[in-house]
Protein backbone atom coordinates (compact mmCIF):
# COMPACT_ATOMS: atom_id res chain seq x y z
CA MET A 1 20.52 -8.16 -19.33
CA THR A 2 17.58 -6.67 -17.44
CA GLY A 3 17.85 -3.11 -18.74
CA TYR A 4 19.70 -1.91 -15.64
CA ASP A 5 23.44 -1.65 -15.35
CA PRO A 6 25.13 -3.23 -12.33
CA ILE A 7 26.27 -0.87 -9.60
CA ARG A 8 29.55 0.78 -10.62
CA PHE A 9 31.27 4.01 -9.65
CA ASP A 10 34.69 5.55 -9.15
CA PHE A 11 36.32 5.16 -5.76
CA TRP A 12 36.70 8.47 -3.94
CA THR A 13 39.76 9.52 -2.01
CA GLY A 14 39.67 11.49 1.23
CA ARG A 15 40.26 14.64 -0.81
CA ASP A 16 37.22 13.86 -3.00
CA PHE A 17 35.04 13.58 0.10
CA ARG A 18 36.37 16.88 1.49
CA VAL A 19 35.67 18.68 -1.79
CA ALA A 20 32.18 17.17 -2.03
CA GLY A 21 31.49 18.09 1.60
CA LYS A 22 32.54 21.71 1.05
CA GLU A 23 30.36 21.94 -2.07
CA LEU A 24 27.40 20.47 -0.20
CA ALA A 25 27.92 22.78 2.79
CA SER A 26 28.04 25.86 0.56
CA SER A 27 24.93 24.93 -1.43
CA PRO A 28 21.46 26.14 -0.43
CA SER A 29 19.47 23.83 1.83
CA ALA A 30 17.39 21.25 0.04
CA GLU A 31 13.64 21.50 0.42
CA LEU A 32 11.64 18.36 0.95
CA SER A 33 8.87 19.37 -1.41
CA GLN A 34 8.99 16.15 -3.41
CA ILE A 35 6.84 13.94 -1.22
CA PRO A 36 5.78 10.77 -3.04
CA GLU A 37 2.08 10.79 -3.89
CA ASN A 38 1.68 7.25 -2.64
CA PRO A 39 4.46 5.87 -0.44
CA ILE A 40 3.14 2.31 -0.72
CA ARG A 41 3.33 2.37 -4.52
CA ARG A 42 6.78 3.98 -4.25
CA LEU A 43 7.92 1.15 -1.97
CA HIS A 44 6.79 -1.44 -4.55
CA GLU A 45 8.54 0.47 -7.36
CA ASN A 46 11.76 0.65 -5.32
CA GLY A 47 11.55 -3.09 -4.65
CA ARG A 48 11.21 -3.84 -8.36
CA VAL A 49 14.18 -1.61 -9.22
CA ILE A 50 16.35 -3.17 -6.51
CA GLN A 51 15.45 -6.65 -7.79
CA LYS A 52 16.36 -5.70 -11.37
CA LEU A 53 19.67 -4.21 -10.20
CA TYR A 54 20.37 -7.33 -8.17
CA LEU A 55 19.77 -9.57 -11.20
CA ALA A 56 21.95 -7.35 -13.42
CA THR A 57 24.70 -7.38 -10.80
CA VAL A 58 24.56 -11.17 -10.47
CA ALA A 59 24.79 -11.47 -14.27
CA ALA A 60 27.80 -9.13 -14.31
CA ALA A 61 29.51 -11.10 -11.54
CA GLU A 62 28.83 -14.41 -13.32
CA ALA A 63 30.34 -12.90 -16.49
CA GLU A 64 33.40 -12.06 -14.37
CA GLU A 65 32.93 -8.33 -14.89
CA GLN A 66 34.35 -6.00 -12.27
CA ILE A 67 31.75 -4.87 -9.73
CA THR A 68 31.98 -2.56 -6.73
CA PRO A 69 32.04 -3.65 -3.09
CA ALA A 70 28.50 -2.24 -2.80
CA ALA A 71 27.39 -4.52 -5.63
CA GLU A 72 29.07 -7.48 -3.92
CA TRP A 73 27.24 -6.53 -0.73
CA LEU A 74 23.92 -6.55 -2.61
CA ILE A 75 24.65 -10.02 -3.99
CA ASP A 76 25.63 -11.36 -0.56
CA ASN A 77 22.79 -9.69 1.34
CA ASN A 78 19.88 -9.61 -1.10
CA HIS A 79 17.93 -11.94 1.19
CA MET A 80 18.11 -9.27 3.93
CA VAL A 81 17.01 -6.54 1.51
CA GLU A 82 14.02 -8.65 0.44
CA GLU A 83 13.10 -9.36 4.07
CA ASN A 84 13.27 -5.66 4.95
CA LEU A 85 11.09 -4.77 1.98
CA ARG A 86 8.59 -7.44 3.05
CA GLN A 87 8.49 -6.03 6.58
CA LEU A 88 8.00 -2.51 5.23
CA ARG A 89 5.13 -3.65 2.99
CA GLU A 90 3.45 -5.33 5.96
CA GLY A 91 4.03 -2.45 8.36
CA MET A 92 3.44 0.50 6.07
CA ASN A 93 -0.20 -0.01 5.25
CA ARG A 94 -2.91 2.59 4.71
CA ALA A 95 -4.30 2.29 8.24
CA PHE A 96 -0.86 2.94 9.73
CA LEU A 97 -0.21 5.93 7.47
CA ARG A 98 -3.58 7.48 8.37
CA ARG A 99 -2.63 7.36 12.07
CA LEU A 100 0.59 9.35 11.55
CA PRO A 101 0.41 12.88 12.98
CA ILE A 102 0.50 15.79 10.57
CA GLN A 103 3.43 17.95 11.62
CA ASN A 104 2.22 21.18 9.99
CA PRO A 105 -1.58 21.48 9.80
CA HIS A 106 -1.25 24.26 7.19
CA PHE A 107 0.73 21.98 4.86
CA PRO A 108 -0.38 18.38 5.40
CA SER A 109 1.63 15.67 3.73
CA LYS A 110 0.51 14.79 0.23
CA ALA A 111 1.05 11.16 1.15
CA LEU A 112 -1.47 11.35 3.98
CA ILE A 113 -3.96 13.29 1.85
CA SER A 114 -3.80 10.77 -0.99
CA LEU A 115 -4.57 7.92 1.40
CA SER A 116 -7.55 9.62 3.06
């Protein structure tokens, strides 16, 4: 095994979604203060984790373990995930990130600062 468990979770009913929605609606708004220091490095890390999960899921399926529909989707569509990650790596380069506008000049994005 690769150190990552295949994707598994309980199936939710309509009631579960309603309860979760009410809890989310009554909770305070999330703040987006956790901006990755380096989005390019984060993209590479995410790609490695997705690949490890894919391999673990394939191993589970080959061992005839029960996997979720989402895990089956990952097995069937991993080539599309890899292609999207490749396109993101090509398109999200330092020059592109430097050209992005800073929305709030008093609080510039850490990601843009770290790439300056």
